[in-house]
Amino acid sequence: MNKSLTKGAELIASVLLAVVFVIFVAAVFMRYVLHMPLPWADELSVILFSILIFFASALAVKPSEQIRFEVVYELLPPPVARFVSIVASLVFGGIFLVAVWPCLDYTIFMLRQRTPALNIPYFYVFVTFPFFLLVVGVKMVLSGLRIALGHEQPE
């Protein structure tokens, strides 16, 4: 992936994490020092943190950094490990891509429901998940194809 896109995603993720932290600290201060809780703070923190996780995972994490069974993979002979890497990338990338439409359909359906404190449509809470599925699925399929064609070594 383009390094400037990855750096931009990391910067956005850092800013989102800082905002979540500030909201959290403000909520604790308001609740326990001033005894005036902010009813929207917890909800906004959860929403922003969810967006942060899926956004950063989609754009800033390379396929080789995704969770996998390293112990099993390292025990395999190199040709078998290569084959397993190709199959796993294509299968799981395909599963992610197949899941995009049902997830997006549900996310669009959630335009009808609103969050309790901020009264914003749940669509905005869930929209990063289909984005995550699409981007990670494409990255995994492309990684599997690059390994199969010999343009990339399995990591």
N, C-alpha and C. Protein backbone atom coordinates (compact mmCIF):
# COMPACT_ATOMS: atom_id res chain seq x y z
N MET A 1 0.84 -1.18 0.00
CA MET A 1 0.00 0.00 0.00
C MET A 1 0.89 1.24 0.00
N ASN A 2 0.38 2.29 -0.53
CA ASN A 2 1.09 3.55 -0.61
C ASN A 2 1.50 4.02 0.79
N LYS A 3 2.79 4.37 0.95
CA LYS A 3 3.29 4.77 2.27
C LYS A 3 2.64 6.05 2.77
N SER A 4 2.35 7.00 1.87
CA SER A 4 1.72 8.24 2.32
C SER A 4 0.29 7.99 2.78
N LEU A 5 -0.41 7.04 2.14
CA LEU A 5 -1.76 6.68 2.58
C LEU A 5 -1.71 6.03 3.96
N THR A 6 -0.73 5.16 4.16
CA THR A 6 -0.57 4.51 5.46
C THR A 6 -0.23 5.53 6.53
N LYS A 7 0.67 6.46 6.22
CA LYS A 7 1.04 7.50 7.19
C LYS A 7 -0.15 8.40 7.50
N GLY A 8 -0.94 8.73 6.48
CA GLY A 8 -2.15 9.52 6.69
C GLY A 8 -3.15 8.80 7.58
N ALA A 9 -3.31 7.49 7.33
CA ALA A 9 -4.22 6.69 8.17
C ALA A 9 -3.71 6.64 9.61
N GLU A 10 -2.41 6.50 9.78
CA GLU A 10 -1.85 6.49 11.13
C GLU A 10 -2.05 7.83 11.83
N LEU A 11 -1.91 8.93 11.08
CA LEU A 11 -2.13 10.26 11.66
C LEU A 11 -3.58 10.44 12.09
N ILE A 12 -4.51 10.05 11.22
CA ILE A 12 -5.94 10.15 11.55
C ILE A 12 -6.26 9.28 12.76
N ALA A 13 -5.70 8.08 12.80
CA ALA A 13 -5.93 7.18 13.93
C ALA A 13 -5.38 7.79 15.23
N SER A 14 -4.23 8.42 15.14
CA SER A 14 -3.63 9.06 16.32
C SER A 14 -4.51 10.21 16.82
N VAL A 15 -5.02 11.00 15.89
CA VAL A 15 -5.90 12.11 16.27
C VAL A 15 -7.18 11.58 16.91
N LEU A 16 -7.77 10.54 16.31
CA LEU A 16 -8.98 9.95 16.88
C LEU A 16 -8.73 9.41 18.29
N LEU A 17 -7.59 8.75 18.47
CA LEU A 17 -7.26 8.23 19.80
C LEU A 17 -7.09 9.37 20.80
N ALA A 18 -6.46 10.45 20.38
CA ALA A 18 -6.30 11.61 21.27
C ALA A 18 -7.66 12.21 21.63
N VAL A 19 -8.56 12.29 20.66
CA VAL A 19 -9.91 12.83 20.93
C VAL A 19 -10.65 11.92 21.91
N VAL A 20 -10.56 10.61 21.70
CA VAL A 20 -11.20 9.66 22.62
C VAL A 20 -10.64 9.84 24.03
N PHE A 21 -9.33 10.00 24.13
CA PHE A 21 -8.70 10.18 25.44
C PHE A 21 -9.18 11.47 26.11
N VAL A 22 -9.24 12.56 25.36
CA VAL A 22 -9.68 13.84 25.91
C VAL A 22 -11.14 13.74 26.39
N ILE A 23 -11.99 13.11 25.59
CA ILE A 23 -13.39 12.94 25.97
C ILE A 23 -13.49 12.11 27.25
N PHE A 24 -12.70 11.04 27.31
CA PHE A 24 -12.71 10.18 28.49
C PHE A 24 -12.28 10.94 29.74
N VAL A 25 -11.19 11.68 29.64
CA VAL A 25 -10.69 12.44 30.79
C VAL A 25 -11.70 13.51 31.19
N ALA A 26 -12.29 14.19 30.22
CA ALA A 26 -13.30 15.21 30.52
C ALA A 26 -14.51 14.59 31.21
N ALA A 27 -14.93 13.41 30.74
CA ALA A 27 -16.08 12.74 31.36
C ALA A 27 -15.79 12.35 32.80
N VAL A 28 -14.59 11.83 33.05
CA VAL A 28 -14.22 11.46 34.42
C VAL A 28 -14.16 12.71 35.31
N PHE A 29 -13.55 13.78 34.80
CA PHE A 29 -13.46 15.02 35.55
C PHE A 29 -14.85 15.58 35.88
N MET A 30 -15.70 15.63 34.87
CA MET A 30 -17.04 16.18 35.08
C MET A 30 -17.85 15.33 36.07
N ARG A 31 -17.72 14.00 35.95
CA ARG A 31 -18.51 13.12 36.81
C ARG A 31 -18.02 13.13 38.26
N TYR A 32 -16.72 12.99 38.46
CA TYR A 32 -16.21 12.77 39.81
C TYR A 32 -15.70 14.02 40.52
N VAL A 33 -15.37 15.06 39.76
CA VAL A 33 -14.89 16.29 40.41
C VAL A 33 -16.02 17.31 40.50
N LEU A 34 -16.72 17.54 39.38
CA LEU A 34 -17.79 18.54 39.37
C LEU A 34 -19.18 17.94 39.65
N HIS A 35 -19.26 16.63 39.71
CA HIS A 35 -20.53 15.92 39.94
C HIS A 35 -21.60 16.31 38.92
N MET A 36 -21.15 16.52 37.68
CA MET A 36 -22.06 16.85 36.57
C MET A 36 -21.72 15.92 35.39
N PRO A 37 -22.23 14.68 35.40
CA PRO A 37 -21.85 13.74 34.34
C PRO A 37 -22.28 14.21 32.95
N LEU A 38 -21.49 13.85 31.99
CA LEU A 38 -21.79 14.15 30.59
C LEU A 38 -22.44 12.89 29.98
N PRO A 39 -23.73 12.90 29.75
CA PRO A 39 -24.40 11.68 29.28
C PRO A 39 -23.95 11.23 27.89
N TRP A 40 -23.44 12.13 27.11
CA TRP A 40 -23.05 11.81 25.73
C TRP A 40 -21.60 11.33 25.63
N ALA A 41 -20.80 11.53 26.66
CA ALA A 41 -19.36 11.27 26.56
C ALA A 41 -19.04 9.78 26.36
N ASP A 42 -19.69 8.92 27.11
CA ASP A 42 -19.43 7.49 26.95
C ASP A 42 -19.81 7.01 25.56
N GLU A 43 -20.97 7.45 25.11
CA GLU A 43 -21.44 7.05 23.78
C GLU A 43 -20.49 7.53 22.69
N LEU A 44 -20.08 8.77 22.75
CA LEU A 44 -19.18 9.31 21.73
C LEU A 44 -17.82 8.61 21.79
N SER A 45 -17.33 8.30 22.96
CA SER A 45 -16.06 7.58 23.09
C SER A 45 -16.13 6.22 22.42
N VAL A 46 -17.21 5.49 22.67
CA VAL A 46 -17.37 4.16 22.08
C VAL A 46 -17.48 4.24 20.56
N ILE A 47 -18.24 5.20 20.08
CA ILE A 47 -18.40 5.37 18.63
C ILE A 47 -17.06 5.70 17.98
N LEU A 48 -16.36 6.68 18.52
CA LEU A 48 -15.07 7.08 17.94
C LEU A 48 -14.04 5.97 18.04
N PHE A 49 -14.06 5.22 19.14
CA PHE A 49 -13.09 4.13 19.30
C PHE A 49 -13.39 3.02 18.30
N SER A 50 -14.66 2.73 18.07
CA SER A 50 -15.03 1.73 17.07
C SER A 50 -14.57 2.16 15.68
N ILE A 51 -14.81 3.40 15.35
CA ILE A 51 -14.36 3.93 14.05
C ILE A 51 -12.85 3.84 13.96
N LEU A 52 -12.17 4.20 15.02
CA LEU A 52 -10.71 4.14 15.06
C LEU A 52 -10.20 2.73 14.79
N ILE A 53 -10.75 1.74 15.45
CA ILE A 53 -10.28 0.36 15.31
C ILE A 53 -10.44 -0.13 13.88
N PHE A 54 -11.62 0.03 13.31
CA PHE A 54 -11.86 -0.50 11.96
C PHE A 54 -11.13 0.31 10.89
N PHE A 55 -11.07 1.62 11.05
CA PHE A 55 -10.37 2.46 10.09
C PHE A 55 -8.87 2.16 10.09
N ALA A 56 -8.29 2.14 11.28
CA ALA A 56 -6.84 1.89 11.37
C ALA A 56 -6.50 0.46 10.94
N SER A 57 -7.33 -0.49 11.30
CA SER A 57 -7.08 -1.88 10.90
C SER A 57 -7.14 -2.04 9.39
N ALA A 58 -8.05 -1.32 8.76
CA ALA A 58 -8.20 -1.43 7.31
C ALA A 58 -7.04 -0.78 6.57
N LEU A 59 -6.63 0.39 6.99
CA LEU A 59 -5.66 1.15 6.20
C LEU A 59 -4.22 1.09 6.71
N ALA A 60 -4.02 0.94 7.98
CA ALA A 60 -2.66 1.03 8.51
C ALA A 60 -2.01 -0.32 8.79
N VAL A 61 -2.79 -1.40 8.78
CA VAL A 61 -2.25 -2.73 9.10
C VAL A 61 -2.05 -3.51 7.81
N LYS A 62 -0.82 -4.01 7.61
CA LYS A 62 -0.51 -4.80 6.42
C LYS A 62 -1.08 -6.21 6.59
N PRO A 63 -1.35 -6.91 5.48
CA PRO A 63 -1.85 -8.30 5.60
C PRO A 63 -0.94 -9.19 6.43
N SER A 64 0.37 -8.98 6.34
CA SER A 64 1.30 -9.80 7.11
C SER A 64 1.22 -9.52 8.62
N GLU A 65 0.61 -8.39 9.01
CA GLU A 65 0.48 -8.05 10.42
C GLU A 65 -0.86 -8.48 11.00
N GLN A 66 -1.73 -9.04 10.16
CA GLN A 66 -3.01 -9.54 10.64
C GLN A 66 -2.78 -10.77 11.50
N ILE A 67 -3.76 -11.11 12.29
CA ILE A 67 -3.65 -12.27 13.18
C ILE A 67 -3.57 -13.55 12.36
N ARG A 68 -2.65 -14.42 12.71
CA ARG A 68 -2.54 -15.72 12.07
C ARG A 68 -1.84 -16.68 13.02
N PHE A 69 -1.82 -17.96 12.65
CA PHE A 69 -1.25 -19.00 13.50
C PHE A 69 0.23 -19.16 13.18
N GLU A 70 1.05 -18.29 13.71
CA GLU A 70 2.49 -18.29 13.45
C GLU A 70 3.15 -19.61 13.83
N VAL A 71 2.76 -20.17 14.95
CA VAL A 71 3.40 -21.39 15.44
C VAL A 71 3.22 -22.52 14.42
N VAL A 72 2.00 -22.69 13.92
CA VAL A 72 1.73 -23.74 12.93
C VAL A 72 2.42 -23.41 11.61
N TYR A 73 2.31 -22.18 11.19
CA TYR A 73 2.87 -21.75 9.91
C TYR A 73 4.39 -21.97 9.86
N GLU A 74 5.09 -21.66 10.93
CA GLU A 74 6.55 -21.79 10.95
C GLU A 74 7.02 -23.25 11.00
N LEU A 75 6.16 -24.16 11.39
CA LEU A 75 6.51 -25.58 11.43
C LEU A 75 6.44 -26.24 10.05
N LEU A 76 5.77 -25.58 9.12
CA LEU A 76 5.58 -26.16 7.79
C LEU A 76 6.82 -25.97 6.92
N PRO A 77 7.06 -26.90 5.99
CA PRO A 77 8.14 -26.69 5.02
C PRO A 77 7.79 -25.48 4.14
N PRO A 78 8.78 -24.74 3.64
CA PRO A 78 8.52 -23.52 2.87
C PRO A 78 7.50 -23.67 1.72
N PRO A 79 7.54 -24.72 0.89
CA PRO A 79 6.54 -24.81 -0.18
C PRO A 79 5.11 -24.97 0.37
N VAL A 80 4.98 -25.75 1.44
CA VAL A 80 3.66 -25.94 2.04
C VAL A 80 3.20 -24.64 2.71
N ALA A 81 4.10 -23.96 3.38
CA ALA A 81 3.77 -22.68 4.01
C ALA A 81 3.33 -21.66 2.97
N ARG A 82 3.98 -21.67 1.82
CA ARG A 82 3.59 -20.77 0.72
C ARG A 82 2.18 -21.10 0.24
N PHE A 83 1.91 -22.39 0.04
CA PHE A 83 0.59 -22.82 -0.40
C PHE A 83 -0.48 -22.45 0.62
N VAL A 84 -0.20 -22.70 1.90
CA VAL A 84 -1.15 -22.36 2.96
C VAL A 84 -1.39 -20.85 2.99
N SER A 85 -0.35 -20.08 2.81
CA SER A 85 -0.47 -18.62 2.80
C SER A 85 -1.36 -18.16 1.65
N ILE A 86 -1.16 -18.74 0.47
CA ILE A 86 -1.97 -18.38 -0.70
C ILE A 86 -3.43 -18.72 -0.46
N VAL A 87 -3.68 -19.96 -0.05
CA VAL A 87 -5.06 -20.42 0.16
C VAL A 87 -5.74 -19.60 1.26
N ALA A 88 -5.04 -19.39 2.38
CA ALA A 88 -5.63 -18.63 3.48
C ALA A 88 -5.95 -17.20 3.06
N SER A 89 -5.03 -16.57 2.33
CA SER A 89 -5.28 -15.19 1.89
C SER A 89 -6.48 -15.12 0.96
N LEU A 90 -6.55 -16.04 0.01
CA LEU A 90 -7.66 -16.02 -0.95
C LEU A 90 -8.99 -16.39 -0.29
N VAL A 91 -8.98 -17.39 0.57
CA VAL A 91 -10.23 -17.82 1.21
C VAL A 91 -10.75 -16.75 2.16
N PHE A 92 -9.91 -16.28 3.06
CA PHE A 92 -10.38 -15.30 4.03
C PHE A 92 -10.66 -13.95 3.37
N GLY A 93 -9.85 -13.57 2.40
CA GLY A 93 -10.15 -12.35 1.65
C GLY A 93 -11.49 -12.47 0.93
N GLY A 94 -11.74 -13.64 0.35
CA GLY A 94 -13.03 -13.87 -0.31
C GLY A 94 -14.19 -13.82 0.66
N ILE A 95 -14.02 -14.40 1.83
CA ILE A 95 -15.08 -14.36 2.85
C ILE A 95 -15.37 -12.91 3.25
N PHE A 96 -14.33 -12.13 3.44
CA PHE A 96 -14.52 -10.72 3.79
C PHE A 96 -15.27 -9.99 2.68
N LEU A 97 -14.89 -10.25 1.43
CA LEU A 97 -15.54 -9.56 0.32
C LEU A 97 -17.00 -9.99 0.17
N VAL A 98 -17.28 -11.26 0.38
CA VAL A 98 -18.67 -11.73 0.30
C VAL A 98 -19.51 -11.10 1.41
N ALA A 99 -18.90 -10.84 2.55
CA ALA A 99 -19.63 -10.27 3.69
C ALA A 99 -19.89 -8.77 3.56
N VAL A 100 -19.25 -8.12 2.60
CA VAL A 100 -19.40 -6.66 2.48
C VAL A 100 -20.85 -6.26 2.24
N TRP A 101 -21.50 -6.86 1.24
CA TRP A 101 -22.85 -6.42 0.90
C TRP A 101 -23.85 -6.64 2.04
N PRO A 102 -23.93 -7.84 2.65
CA PRO A 102 -24.88 -7.98 3.76
C PRO A 102 -24.60 -7.00 4.91
N CYS A 103 -23.33 -6.77 5.18
CA CYS A 103 -22.98 -5.83 6.23
C CYS A 103 -23.38 -4.40 5.86
N LEU A 104 -23.13 -4.03 4.62
CA LEU A 104 -23.52 -2.69 4.16
C LEU A 104 -25.04 -2.54 4.15
N ASP A 105 -25.73 -3.58 3.74
CA ASP A 105 -27.20 -3.57 3.73
C ASP A 105 -27.73 -3.33 5.15
N TYR A 106 -27.18 -4.03 6.12
CA TYR A 106 -27.59 -3.84 7.51
C TYR A 106 -27.23 -2.43 7.99
N THR A 107 -26.06 -1.97 7.60
CA THR A 107 -25.63 -0.63 8.00
C THR A 107 -26.59 0.43 7.45
N ILE A 108 -27.01 0.27 6.21
CA ILE A 108 -27.98 1.21 5.62
C ILE A 108 -29.32 1.11 6.35
N PHE A 109 -29.72 -0.11 6.69
CA PHE A 109 -30.95 -0.31 7.47
C PHE A 109 -30.89 0.45 8.79
N MET A 110 -29.71 0.54 9.37
CA MET A 110 -29.56 1.19 10.67
C MET A 110 -29.69 2.72 10.60
N LEU A 111 -29.94 3.27 9.42
CA LEU A 111 -30.26 4.70 9.33
C LEU A 111 -31.55 5.01 10.09
N ARG A 112 -32.38 4.00 10.30
CA ARG A 112 -33.66 4.19 10.99
C ARG A 112 -33.50 4.32 12.50
N GLN A 113 -32.47 3.71 13.03
CA GLN A 113 -32.26 3.70 14.48
C GLN A 113 -31.30 4.82 14.86
N ARG A 114 -31.50 5.36 16.05
CA ARG A 114 -30.63 6.44 16.53
C ARG A 114 -30.02 6.10 17.88
N THR A 115 -28.85 6.66 18.12
CA THR A 115 -28.18 6.42 19.40
C THR A 115 -28.95 7.13 20.52
N PRO A 116 -28.91 6.59 21.73
CA PRO A 116 -29.72 7.18 22.80
C PRO A 116 -29.30 8.58 23.24
N ALA A 117 -28.03 8.84 23.40
CA ALA A 117 -27.60 10.13 23.95
C ALA A 117 -27.41 11.20 22.89
N LEU A 118 -26.75 10.85 21.79
CA LEU A 118 -26.43 11.85 20.76
C LEU A 118 -27.49 11.94 19.67
N ASN A 119 -28.35 10.94 19.61
CA ASN A 119 -29.44 10.91 18.63
C ASN A 119 -28.93 10.95 17.18
N ILE A 120 -27.80 10.30 16.93
CA ILE A 120 -27.30 10.21 15.56
C ILE A 120 -27.63 8.83 15.01
N PRO A 121 -27.84 8.72 13.71
CA PRO A 121 -28.17 7.41 13.14
C PRO A 121 -27.05 6.40 13.38
N TYR A 122 -27.45 5.16 13.71
CA TYR A 122 -26.46 4.11 13.93
C TYR A 122 -25.66 3.82 12.68
N PHE A 123 -26.12 4.26 11.54
CA PHE A 123 -25.36 4.11 10.28
C PHE A 123 -23.94 4.63 10.47
N TYR A 124 -23.80 5.78 11.10
CA TYR A 124 -22.48 6.40 11.28
C TYR A 124 -21.62 5.63 12.28
N VAL A 125 -22.27 4.86 13.15
CA VAL A 125 -21.54 4.04 14.10
C VAL A 125 -20.96 2.82 13.38
N PHE A 126 -21.75 2.23 12.48
CA PHE A 126 -21.38 0.96 11.86
C PHE A 126 -20.73 1.08 10.48
N VAL A 127 -20.70 2.25 9.88
CA VAL A 127 -20.27 2.38 8.49
C VAL A 127 -18.80 2.00 8.27
N THR A 128 -17.98 2.08 9.28
CA THR A 128 -16.58 1.71 9.08
C THR A 128 -16.39 0.20 8.98
N PHE A 129 -17.36 -0.59 9.45
CA PHE A 129 -17.18 -2.03 9.38
C PHE A 129 -17.25 -2.57 7.96
N PRO A 130 -18.25 -2.19 7.13
CA PRO A 130 -18.19 -2.66 5.73
C PRO A 130 -16.96 -2.12 4.99
N PHE A 131 -16.54 -0.90 5.32
CA PHE A 131 -15.32 -0.34 4.74
C PHE A 131 -14.13 -1.22 5.11
N PHE A 132 -14.05 -1.61 6.38
CA PHE A 132 -12.99 -2.50 6.86
C PHE A 132 -13.01 -3.82 6.10
N LEU A 133 -14.18 -4.43 5.98
CA LEU A 133 -14.30 -5.71 5.27
C LEU A 133 -13.82 -5.59 3.83
N LEU A 134 -14.22 -4.52 3.15
CA LEU A 134 -13.86 -4.32 1.75
C LEU A 134 -12.35 -4.14 1.59
N VAL A 135 -11.78 -3.24 2.35
CA VAL A 135 -10.36 -2.93 2.20
C VAL A 135 -9.49 -4.13 2.60
N VAL A 136 -9.79 -4.76 3.72
CA VAL A 136 -8.98 -5.90 4.17
C VAL A 136 -9.17 -7.08 3.22
N GLY A 137 -10.40 -7.30 2.74
CA GLY A 137 -10.64 -8.38 1.79
C GLY A 137 -9.85 -8.20 0.51
N VAL A 138 -9.87 -7.00 -0.03
CA VAL A 138 -9.11 -6.72 -1.25
C VAL A 138 -7.60 -6.89 -0.99
N LYS A 139 -7.11 -6.37 0.13
CA LYS A 139 -5.70 -6.50 0.44
C LYS A 139 -5.28 -7.96 0.58
N MET A 140 -6.13 -8.77 1.20
CA MET A 140 -5.80 -10.18 1.39
C MET A 140 -5.79 -10.93 0.06
N VAL A 141 -6.80 -10.68 -0.78
CA VAL A 141 -6.85 -11.35 -2.09
C VAL A 141 -5.64 -10.94 -2.93
N LEU A 142 -5.34 -9.65 -2.96
CA LEU A 142 -4.18 -9.19 -3.72
C LEU A 142 -2.88 -9.78 -3.19
N SER A 143 -2.76 -9.89 -1.88
CA SER A 143 -1.57 -10.49 -1.29
C SER A 143 -1.45 -11.96 -1.70
N GLY A 144 -2.56 -12.69 -1.64
CA GLY A 144 -2.55 -14.09 -2.06
C GLY A 144 -2.17 -14.25 -3.53
N LEU A 145 -2.69 -13.36 -4.37
CA LEU A 145 -2.36 -13.41 -5.80
C LEU A 145 -0.89 -13.07 -6.04
N ARG A 146 -0.37 -12.07 -5.32
CA ARG A 146 1.04 -11.70 -5.48
C ARG A 146 1.96 -12.84 -5.05
N ILE A 147 1.59 -13.54 -3.98
CA ILE A 147 2.39 -14.69 -3.54
C ILE A 147 2.30 -15.81 -4.57
N ALA A 148 1.10 -16.06 -5.09
CA ALA A 148 0.91 -17.13 -6.08
C ALA A 148 1.69 -16.85 -7.35
N LEU A 149 1.79 -15.58 -7.74
CA LEU A 149 2.50 -15.22 -8.97
C LEU A 149 4.01 -15.04 -8.74
N GLY A 150 4.45 -15.17 -7.50
CA GLY A 150 5.88 -15.06 -7.19
C GLY A 150 6.38 -13.65 -7.02
N HIS A 151 5.49 -12.67 -6.98
CA HIS A 151 5.90 -11.27 -6.82
C HIS A 151 6.14 -10.90 -5.36
N GLU A 152 5.75 -11.78 -4.46
CA GLU A 152 5.85 -11.49 -3.03
C GLU A 152 6.12 -12.79 -2.30
N GLN A 153 6.90 -12.71 -1.25
CA GLN A 153 7.17 -13.89 -0.43
C GLN A 153 6.20 -13.89 0.74
N PRO A 154 5.71 -15.07 1.13
CA PRO A 154 4.87 -15.10 2.34
C PRO A 154 5.69 -14.70 3.55
N GLU A 155 5.10 -13.89 4.41
CA GLU A 155 5.82 -13.40 5.60
C GLU A 155 5.40 -14.19 6.81
